[in-house]
Structure formats: structure tokens, C-alpha cells
C-alpha atoms as a PDB file:
ATOM      1  CA  MET A   1     129.549  64.628 146.886  1.00  0.00           C
ATOM      2  CA  LYS A   2     131.455  62.757 149.571  1.00  0.00           C
ATOM      3  CA  ARG A   3     132.278  66.001 151.384  1.00  0.00           C
ATOM      4  CA  LYS A   4     128.667  67.284 151.256  1.00  0.00           C
ATOM      5  CA  LEU A   5     126.745  64.082 152.006  1.00  0.00           C
ATOM      6  CA  GLY A   6     129.360  62.011 153.854  1.00  0.00           C
ATOM      7  CA  THR A   7     129.145  59.254 151.262  1.00  0.00           C
ATOM      8  CA  ALA A   8     129.702  58.753 147.553  1.00  0.00           C
ATOM      9  CA  ARG A   9     126.655  56.490 147.388  1.00  0.00           C
ATOM     10  CA  LEU A  10     123.225  57.986 146.935  1.00  0.00           C
ATOM     11  CA  PRO A  11     120.497  55.378 147.559  1.00  0.00           C
ATOM     12  CA  ILE A  12     117.774  55.466 144.938  1.00  0.00           C
ATOM     13  CA  THR A  13     114.569  53.716 145.915  1.00  0.00           C
ATOM     14  CA  SER A  14     111.304  53.103 144.099  1.00  0.00           C
ATOM     15  CA  GLY A  15     109.651  55.802 146.240  1.00  0.00           C
ATOM     16  CA  LYS A  16     111.673  58.444 144.362  1.00  0.00           C
ATOM     17  CA  PHE A  17     110.064  57.345 141.064  1.00  0.00           C
ATOM     18  CA  LEU A  18     106.503  57.287 142.386  1.00  0.00           C
ATOM     19  CA  ASN A  19     105.228  60.105 140.147  1.00  0.00           C
ATOM     20  CA  ALA A  20     106.921  58.913 136.953  1.00  0.00           C
ATOM     21  CA  PHE A  21     106.491  55.136 137.390  1.00  0.00           C
ATOM     22  CA  PRO A  22     103.828  54.382 140.040  1.00  0.00           C
ATOM     23  CA  ASP A  23     103.888  50.630 139.320  1.00  0.00           C
ATOM     24  CA  LEU A  24     107.481  50.305 140.566  1.00  0.00           C
ATOM     25  CA  GLU A  25     106.448  50.732 144.188  1.00  0.00           C
ATOM     26  CA  HIS A  26     103.661  48.165 143.875  1.00  0.00           C
ATOM     27  CA  GLU A  27     105.916  45.622 142.188  1.00  0.00           C
ATOM     28  CA  PHE A  28     109.166  46.074 144.155  1.00  0.00           C
ATOM     29  CA  GLY A  29     108.154  47.763 147.420  1.00  0.00           C
ATOM     30  CA  GLU A  30     108.986  51.276 148.594  1.00  0.00           C
ATOM     31  CA  ASN A  31     112.508  50.605 149.931  1.00  0.00           C
ATOM     32  CA  THR A  32     113.981  48.524 147.091  1.00  0.00           C
ATOM     33  CA  GLU A  33     117.210  50.134 145.869  1.00  0.00           C
ATOM     34  CA  PHE A  34     117.976  50.622 142.182  1.00  0.00           C
ATOM     35  CA  ASP A  35     120.987  51.339 139.986  1.00  0.00           C
ATOM     36  CA  ILE A  36     120.688  54.053 137.338  1.00  0.00           C
ATOM     37  CA  ASP A  37     122.816  53.996 134.204  1.00  0.00           C
ATOM     38  CA  PHE A  38     123.006  57.363 132.486  1.00  0.00           C
ATOM     39  CA  GLU A  39     125.022  58.152 129.360  1.00  0.00           C
ATOM     40  CA  ILE A  40     125.189  61.152 127.023  1.00  0.00           C
ATOM     41  CA  LEU A  41     125.864  60.137 123.429  1.00  0.00           C
ATOM     42  CA  HIS A  42     126.514  61.864 120.110  1.00  0.00           C
ATOM     43  CA  PRO A  43     126.875  65.507 121.167  1.00  0.00           C
ATOM     44  CA  ARG A  44     126.840  67.645 118.036  1.00  0.00           C
ATOM     45  CA  VAL A  45     127.230  71.356 117.356  1.00  0.00           C
ATOM     46  CA  LYS A  46     126.418  72.502 113.838  1.00  0.00           C
ATOM     47  CA  PHE A  47     126.771  76.010 112.478  1.00  0.00           C
ATOM     48  CA  SER A  48     124.275  76.841 109.771  1.00  0.00           C
ATOM     49  CA  PRO A  49     126.003  77.166 106.397  1.00  0.00           C
ATOM     50  CA  GLN A  50     123.618  79.858 105.113  1.00  0.00           C
ATOM     51  CA  ASP A  51     124.554  82.826 107.290  1.00  0.00           C
ATOM     52  CA  GLY A  52     126.445  81.471 110.307  1.00  0.00           C
ATOM     53  CA  SER A  53     124.037  82.912 112.876  1.00  0.00           C
ATOM     54  CA  ASN A  54     122.020  79.765 113.614  1.00  0.00           C
ATOM     55  CA  ILE A  55     123.612  77.134 115.822  1.00  0.00           C
ATOM     56  CA  ARG A  56     122.152  73.672 116.294  1.00  0.00           C
ATOM     57  CA  PHE A  57     123.070  71.622 119.350  1.00  0.00           C
ATOM     58  CA  SER A  58     121.864  68.073 119.887  1.00  0.00           C
ATOM     59  CA  PHE A  59     122.664  64.996 121.950  1.00  0.00           C
ATOM     60  CA  ASP A  60     121.132  61.684 122.979  1.00  0.00           C
ATOM     61  CA  VAL A  61     120.651  60.461 126.536  1.00  0.00           C
ATOM     62  CA  GLU A  62     120.416  56.754 127.257  1.00  0.00           C
ATOM     63  CA  TYR A  63     119.177  55.799 130.686  1.00  0.00           C
ATOM     64  CA  GLY A  64     118.385  52.543 132.376  1.00  0.00           C
ATOM     65  CA  LEU A  65     116.975  51.512 135.734  1.00  0.00           C
ATOM     66  CA  LYS A  66     117.644  48.125 137.298  1.00  0.00           C
ATOM     67  CA  GLU A  67     117.472  46.532 140.717  1.00  0.00           C
ATOM     68  CA  LEU A  68     120.633  46.885 142.791  1.00  0.00           C
ATOM     69  CA  GLY A  69     122.962  44.014 141.875  1.00  0.00           C
ATOM     70  CA  SER A  70     120.802  42.819 138.963  1.00  0.00           C
ATOM     71  CA  MET A  71     121.847  42.682 135.321  1.00  0.00           C
ATOM     72  CA  ASN A  72     118.291  43.065 133.942  1.00  0.00           C
ATOM     73  CA  TYR A  73     116.880  46.492 133.150  1.00  0.00           C
ATOM     74  CA  ILE A  74     113.386  47.367 134.315  1.00  0.00           C
ATOM     75  CA  ILE A  75     113.347  50.583 132.277  1.00  0.00           C
ATOM     76  CA  TYR A  76     115.686  51.408 129.396  1.00  0.00           C
ATOM     77  CA  ASP A  77     115.188  54.247 126.937  1.00  0.00           C
ATOM     78  CA  ARG A  78     116.927  56.807 124.729  1.00  0.00           C
ATOM     79  CA  VAL A  79     115.873  60.466 124.517  1.00  0.00           C
ATOM     80  CA  HIS A  80     117.039  62.880 121.815  1.00  0.00           C
ATOM     81  CA  PHE A  81     117.482  66.555 122.755  1.00  0.00           C
ATOM     82  CA  LYS A  82     117.814  69.244 120.097  1.00  0.00           C
ATOM     83  CA  THR A  83     117.981  73.024 120.329  1.00  0.00           C
ATOM     84  CA  LEU A  84     118.466  75.841 117.847  1.00  0.00           C
ATOM     85  CA  PHE A  85     119.605  79.320 118.779  1.00  0.00           C
ATOM     86  CA  ASN A  86     121.105  82.466 117.252  1.00  0.00           C
ATOM     87  CA  MET A  87     124.435  83.866 118.309  1.00  0.00           C
ATOM     88  CA  GLU A  88     125.960  87.116 117.153  1.00  0.00           C
ATOM     89  CA  ILE A  89     129.506  88.287 117.752  1.00  0.00           C
ATOM     90  CA  SER A  90     129.917  92.026 117.395  1.00  0.00           C
END
């Protein structure tokens, strides 16, 4: 990232979240910078015991948004992703 953008810091302002959270711009202003915490938890791969062809993959994503330098989260949530697919080795 440093080579491509010239910096390792990517400023994230409330204007970037305008579609998802329109109230952020009204409450904090357009140029307020935020920190994003992003963590992938509990990745799991499970092979179906019946025939072995079905594979289940799931993981949780926790994310939080807070003002730059603040310890208090404005938004904090956990999302669970799950997929099921067939795989055949021949």
C-alpha cells in the first residue's frame, strides 16, 4: 500500500459512509476522520459426513467505527457469513 499510495495511512471520513450511514455526516461533519476495526473470527470448514461432496464454510466478521483517537465506538456489529458448495475430485 505504501508503494502504491505513498502512505500506509488511508484517511476514512464520514463522507465515505454517506450511503450506508447518512446521519454520520450530519453529526460529525464531512471531513471527520474515523478508525475502523475489522476482525475475522471463527473460520470453519466442514465436510458433510453423508457423502463428502458438500462443503460448508463459515466465518464471523466483527467491525467497529470510531472517531480518530477516540475509544468509544459509534458503530459496532458482528456479521455471520455462511456458504455451502459441492466439490468433486475425479
